[in-house]
Amino acid sequence: MLDQDKVKKQQTYLGEALENVLNEYHEEEQKEAREMVAKFVLGYVGASFGLKVD
């Protein structure tokens, strides 16, 4: 079973990281930045569950 506090801390960290990345990019580049972050988050979450995401 997942530790809810750990999961909440990771979500907060990832949310802040996403916000920081998006703030650094201009509007035209935000779509690409969102895709990069989404791929990273999917890989990170997948890895924490033992899944491999390409």
PDB file of N, CA and C in Angstrom:
ATOM      1  N   MET A   1       0.849  -1.197   0.000  1.00  0.00           N
ATOM      2  CA  MET A   1       0.000   0.000   0.000  1.00  0.00           C
ATOM      3  C   MET A   1       0.886   1.249   0.000  1.00  0.00           C
ATOM      4  N   LEU A   2       0.440   2.264  -0.670  1.00  0.00           N
ATOM      5  CA  LEU A   2       1.223   3.487  -0.783  1.00  0.00           C
ATOM      6  C   LEU A   2       1.126   4.312   0.486  1.00  0.00           C
ATOM      7  N   ASP A   3       2.223   4.944   0.820  1.00  0.00           N
ATOM      8  CA  ASP A   3       2.251   5.878   1.941  1.00  0.00           C
ATOM      9  C   ASP A   3       1.648   7.194   1.457  1.00  0.00           C
ATOM     10  N   GLN A   4       0.471   7.536   1.977  1.00  0.00           N
ATOM     11  CA  GLN A   4      -0.263   8.712   1.486  1.00  0.00           C
ATOM     12  C   GLN A   4       0.517  10.010   1.664  1.00  0.00           C
ATOM     13  N   ASP A   5       1.248  10.153   2.766  1.00  0.00           N
ATOM     14  CA  ASP A   5       2.034  11.372   2.975  1.00  0.00           C
ATOM     15  C   ASP A   5       3.128  11.497   1.919  1.00  0.00           C
ATOM     16  N   LYS A   6       3.788  10.376   1.621  1.00  0.00           N
ATOM     17  CA  LYS A   6       4.851  10.389   0.615  1.00  0.00           C
ATOM     18  C   LYS A   6       4.293  10.756  -0.755  1.00  0.00           C
ATOM     19  N   VAL A   7       3.144  10.175  -1.087  1.00  0.00           N
ATOM     20  CA  VAL A   7       2.515  10.462  -2.375  1.00  0.00           C
ATOM     21  C   VAL A   7       2.131  11.936  -2.455  1.00  0.00           C
ATOM     22  N   LYS A   8       1.571  12.474  -1.391  1.00  0.00           N
ATOM     23  CA  LYS A   8       1.156  13.883  -1.377  1.00  0.00           C
ATOM     24  C   LYS A   8       2.367  14.810  -1.538  1.00  0.00           C
ATOM     25  N   LYS A   9       3.479  14.489  -0.867  1.00  0.00           N
ATOM     26  CA  LYS A   9       4.700  15.296  -0.998  1.00  0.00           C
ATOM     27  C   LYS A   9       5.220  15.259  -2.431  1.00  0.00           C
ATOM     28  N   GLN A  10       5.185  14.073  -3.051  1.00  0.00           N
ATOM     29  CA  GLN A  10       5.652  13.955  -4.433  1.00  0.00           C
ATOM     30  C   GLN A  10       4.756  14.748  -5.373  1.00  0.00           C
ATOM     31  N   GLN A  11       3.436  14.693  -5.149  1.00  0.00           N
ATOM     32  CA  GLN A  11       2.510  15.452  -5.991  1.00  0.00           C
ATOM     33  C   GLN A  11       2.769  16.945  -5.854  1.00  0.00           C
ATOM     34  N   THR A  12       3.001  17.403  -4.630  1.00  0.00           N
ATOM     35  CA  THR A  12       3.281  18.823  -4.400  1.00  0.00           C
ATOM     36  C   THR A  12       4.567  19.218  -5.104  1.00  0.00           C
ATOM     37  N   TYR A  13       5.600  18.390  -4.953  1.00  0.00           N
ATOM     38  CA  TYR A  13       6.888  18.673  -5.595  1.00  0.00           C
ATOM     39  C   TYR A  13       6.736  18.735  -7.113  1.00  0.00           C
ATOM     40  N   LEU A  14       6.036  17.741  -7.684  1.00  0.00           N
ATOM     41  CA  LEU A  14       5.866  17.704  -9.137  1.00  0.00           C
ATOM     42  C   LEU A  14       5.016  18.875  -9.615  1.00  0.00           C
ATOM     43  N   GLY A  15       4.000  19.251  -8.850  1.00  0.00           N
ATOM     44  CA  GLY A  15       3.168  20.396  -9.211  1.00  0.00           C
ATOM     45  C   GLY A  15       3.971  21.684  -9.232  1.00  0.00           C
ATOM     46  N   GLU A  16       4.830  21.857  -8.232  1.00  0.00           N
ATOM     47  CA  GLU A  16       5.676  23.053  -8.181  1.00  0.00           C
ATOM     48  C   GLU A  16       6.687  23.055  -9.319  1.00  0.00           C
ATOM     49  N   ALA A  17       7.251  21.882  -9.624  1.00  0.00           N
ATOM     50  CA  ALA A  17       8.214  21.786 -10.720  1.00  0.00           C
ATOM     51  C   ALA A  17       7.538  22.124 -12.048  1.00  0.00           C
ATOM     52  N   LEU A  18       6.331  21.619 -12.252  1.00  0.00           N
ATOM     53  CA  LEU A  18       5.584  21.909 -13.480  1.00  0.00           C
ATOM     54  C   LEU A  18       5.310  23.403 -13.593  1.00  0.00           C
ATOM     55  N   GLU A  19       4.886  24.014 -12.510  1.00  0.00           N
ATOM     56  CA  GLU A  19       4.599  25.450 -12.516  1.00  0.00           C
ATOM     57  C   GLU A  19       5.852  26.258 -12.846  1.00  0.00           C
ATOM     58  N   ASN A  20       6.975  25.868 -12.257  1.00  0.00           N
ATOM     59  CA  ASN A  20       8.237  26.575 -12.523  1.00  0.00           C
ATOM     60  C   ASN A  20       8.652  26.450 -13.979  1.00  0.00           C
ATOM     61  N   VAL A  21       8.532  25.249 -14.533  1.00  0.00           N
ATOM     62  CA  VAL A  21       8.909  25.032 -15.940  1.00  0.00           C
ATOM     63  C   VAL A  21       8.026  25.869 -16.847  1.00  0.00           C
ATOM     64  N   LEU A  22       6.717  25.846 -16.603  1.00  0.00           N
ATOM     65  CA  LEU A  22       5.801  26.582 -17.481  1.00  0.00           C
ATOM     66  C   LEU A  22       6.012  28.082 -17.379  1.00  0.00           C
ATOM     67  N   ASN A  23       6.381  28.567 -16.213  1.00  0.00           N
ATOM     68  CA  ASN A  23       6.624  29.997 -16.054  1.00  0.00           C
ATOM     69  C   ASN A  23       7.867  30.453 -16.818  1.00  0.00           C
ATOM     70  N   GLU A  24       8.793  29.533 -17.048  1.00  0.00           N
ATOM     71  CA  GLU A  24      10.034  29.885 -17.739  1.00  0.00           C
ATOM     72  C   GLU A  24       9.880  29.926 -19.258  1.00  0.00           C
ATOM     73  N   TYR A  25       8.843  29.313 -19.780  1.00  0.00           N
ATOM     74  CA  TYR A  25       8.662  29.234 -21.228  1.00  0.00           C
ATOM     75  C   TYR A  25       7.674  30.287 -21.712  1.00  0.00           C
ATOM     76  N   HIS A  26       7.896  30.737 -22.924  1.00  0.00           N
ATOM     77  CA  HIS A  26       6.942  31.640 -23.562  1.00  0.00           C
ATOM     78  C   HIS A  26       5.720  30.839 -23.988  1.00  0.00           C
ATOM     79  N   GLU A  27       4.652  31.539 -24.283  1.00  0.00           N
ATOM     80  CA  GLU A  27       3.382  30.885 -24.595  1.00  0.00           C
ATOM     81  C   GLU A  27       3.495  29.856 -25.716  1.00  0.00           C
ATOM     82  N   GLU A  28       4.251  30.178 -26.780  1.00  0.00           N
ATOM     83  CA  GLU A  28       4.361  29.256 -27.910  1.00  0.00           C
ATOM     84  C   GLU A  28       5.048  27.953 -27.488  1.00  0.00           C
ATOM     85  N   GLU A  29       5.951  28.053 -26.517  1.00  0.00           N
ATOM     86  CA  GLU A  29       6.733  26.889 -26.112  1.00  0.00           C
ATOM     87  C   GLU A  29       6.056  26.099 -24.987  1.00  0.00           C
ATOM     88  N   GLN A  30       4.967  26.623 -24.433  1.00  0.00           N
ATOM     89  CA  GLN A  30       4.341  25.957 -23.295  1.00  0.00           C
ATOM     90  C   GLN A  30       3.763  24.588 -23.651  1.00  0.00           C
ATOM     91  N   LYS A  31       3.213  24.449 -24.853  1.00  0.00           N
ATOM     92  CA  LYS A  31       2.658  23.149 -25.256  1.00  0.00           C
ATOM     93  C   LYS A  31       3.758  22.084 -25.252  1.00  0.00           C
ATOM     94  N   GLU A  32       4.895  22.420 -25.847  1.00  0.00           N
ATOM     95  CA  GLU A  32       6.020  21.481 -25.874  1.00  0.00           C
ATOM     96  C   GLU A  32       6.520  21.192 -24.460  1.00  0.00           C
ATOM     97  N   ALA A  33       6.567  22.223 -23.633  1.00  0.00           N
ATOM     98  CA  ALA A  33       7.021  22.051 -22.253  1.00  0.00           C
ATOM     99  C   ALA A  33       6.063  21.138 -21.486  1.00  0.00           C
ATOM    100  N   ARG A  34       4.767  21.315 -21.686  1.00  0.00           N
ATOM    101  CA  ARG A  34       3.772  20.459 -21.012  1.00  0.00           C
ATOM    102  C   ARG A  34       3.951  19.002 -21.428  1.00  0.00           C
ATOM    103  N   GLU A  35       4.202  18.777 -22.720  1.00  0.00           N
ATOM    104  CA  GLU A  35       4.404  17.414 -23.207  1.00  0.00           C
ATOM    105  C   GLU A  35       5.640  16.790 -22.573  1.00  0.00           C
ATOM    106  N   MET A  36       6.736  17.564 -22.479  1.00  0.00           N
ATOM    107  CA  MET A  36       7.961  17.047 -21.857  1.00  0.00           C
ATOM    108  C   MET A  36       7.710  16.703 -20.395  1.00  0.00           C
ATOM    109  N   VAL A  37       7.040  17.595 -19.685  1.00  0.00           N
ATOM    110  CA  VAL A  37       6.771  17.363 -18.266  1.00  0.00           C
ATOM    111  C   VAL A  37       5.823  16.188 -18.097  1.00  0.00           C
ATOM    112  N   ALA A  38       4.824  16.080 -18.953  1.00  0.00           N
ATOM    113  CA  ALA A  38       3.880  14.961 -18.868  1.00  0.00           C
ATOM    114  C   ALA A  38       4.606  13.628 -19.068  1.00  0.00           C
ATOM    115  N   LYS A  39       5.508  13.574 -20.040  1.00  0.00           N
ATOM    116  CA  LYS A  39       6.279  12.347 -20.263  1.00  0.00           C
ATOM    117  C   LYS A  39       7.148  12.029 -19.047  1.00  0.00           C
ATOM    118  N   PHE A  40       7.764  13.056 -18.471  1.00  0.00           N
ATOM    119  CA  PHE A  40       8.591  12.852 -17.281  1.00  0.00           C
ATOM    120  C   PHE A  40       7.742  12.329 -16.120  1.00  0.00           C
ATOM    121  N   VAL A  41       6.588  12.958 -15.905  1.00  0.00           N
ATOM    122  CA  VAL A  41       5.715  12.557 -14.787  1.00  0.00           C
ATOM    123  C   VAL A  41       5.233  11.129 -14.994  1.00  0.00           C
ATOM    124  N   LEU A  42       4.820  10.791 -16.221  1.00  0.00           N
ATOM    125  CA  LEU A  42       4.373   9.425 -16.491  1.00  0.00           C
ATOM    126  C   LEU A  42       5.496   8.423 -16.233  1.00  0.00           C
ATOM    127  N   GLY A  43       6.697   8.754 -16.676  1.00  0.00           N
ATOM    128  CA  GLY A  43       7.842   7.871 -16.439  1.00  0.00           C
ATOM    129  C   GLY A  43       8.148   7.746 -14.966  1.00  0.00           C
ATOM    130  N   TYR A  44       8.086   8.864 -14.241  1.00  0.00           N
ATOM    131  CA  TYR A  44       8.377   8.875 -12.803  1.00  0.00           C
ATOM    132  C   TYR A  44       7.348   8.055 -12.036  1.00  0.00           C
ATOM    133  N   VAL A  45       6.075   8.283 -12.339  1.00  0.00           N
ATOM    134  CA  VAL A  45       5.005   7.556 -11.655  1.00  0.00           C
ATOM    135  C   VAL A  45       5.072   6.080 -12.020  1.00  0.00           C
ATOM    136  N   GLY A  46       5.282   5.805 -13.313  1.00  0.00           N
ATOM    137  CA  GLY A  46       5.388   4.413 -13.757  1.00  0.00           C
ATOM    138  C   GLY A  46       6.537   3.689 -13.086  1.00  0.00           C
ATOM    139  N   ALA A  47       7.682   4.368 -12.963  1.00  0.00           N
ATOM    140  CA  ALA A  47       8.848   3.754 -12.331  1.00  0.00           C
ATOM    141  C   ALA A  47       8.583   3.483 -10.851  1.00  0.00           C
ATOM    142  N   SER A  48       7.843   4.362 -10.197  1.00  0.00           N
ATOM    143  CA  SER A  48       7.575   4.147  -8.775  1.00  0.00           C
ATOM    144  C   SER A  48       6.632   2.967  -8.568  1.00  0.00           C
ATOM    145  N   PHE A  49       5.900   2.573  -9.623  1.00  0.00           N
ATOM    146  CA  PHE A  49       5.045   1.381  -9.545  1.00  0.00           C
ATOM    147  C   PHE A  49       5.713   0.177 -10.210  1.00  0.00           C
ATOM    148  N   GLY A  50       6.945   0.358 -10.655  1.00  0.00           N
ATOM    149  CA  GLY A  50       7.677  -0.740 -11.275  1.00  0.00           C
ATOM    150  C   GLY A  50       7.319  -0.961 -12.731  1.00  0.00           C
ATOM    151  N   LEU A  51       6.725   0.032 -13.384  1.00  0.00           N
ATOM    152  CA  LEU A  51       6.356  -0.088 -14.789  1.00  0.00           C
ATOM    153  C   LEU A  51       7.390   0.622 -15.647  1.00  0.00           C
ATOM    154  N   LYS A  52       7.526   0.156 -16.864  1.00  0.00           N
ATOM    155  CA  LYS A  52       8.435   0.824 -17.800  1.00  0.00           C
ATOM    156  C   LYS A  52       7.598   1.574 -18.824  1.00  0.00           C
ATOM    157  N   VAL A  53       7.834   2.880 -18.932  1.00  0.00           N
ATOM    158  CA  VAL A  53       7.087   3.715 -19.870  1.00  0.00           C
ATOM    159  C   VAL A  53       8.055   4.258 -20.901  1.00  0.00           C
ATOM    160  N   ASP A  54       7.742   4.033 -22.177  1.00  0.00           N
ATOM    161  CA  ASP A  54       8.614   4.526 -23.262  1.00  0.00           C
ATOM    162  C   ASP A  54       8.109   5.838 -23.783  1.00  0.00           C
TER     163      ASP A  54
END
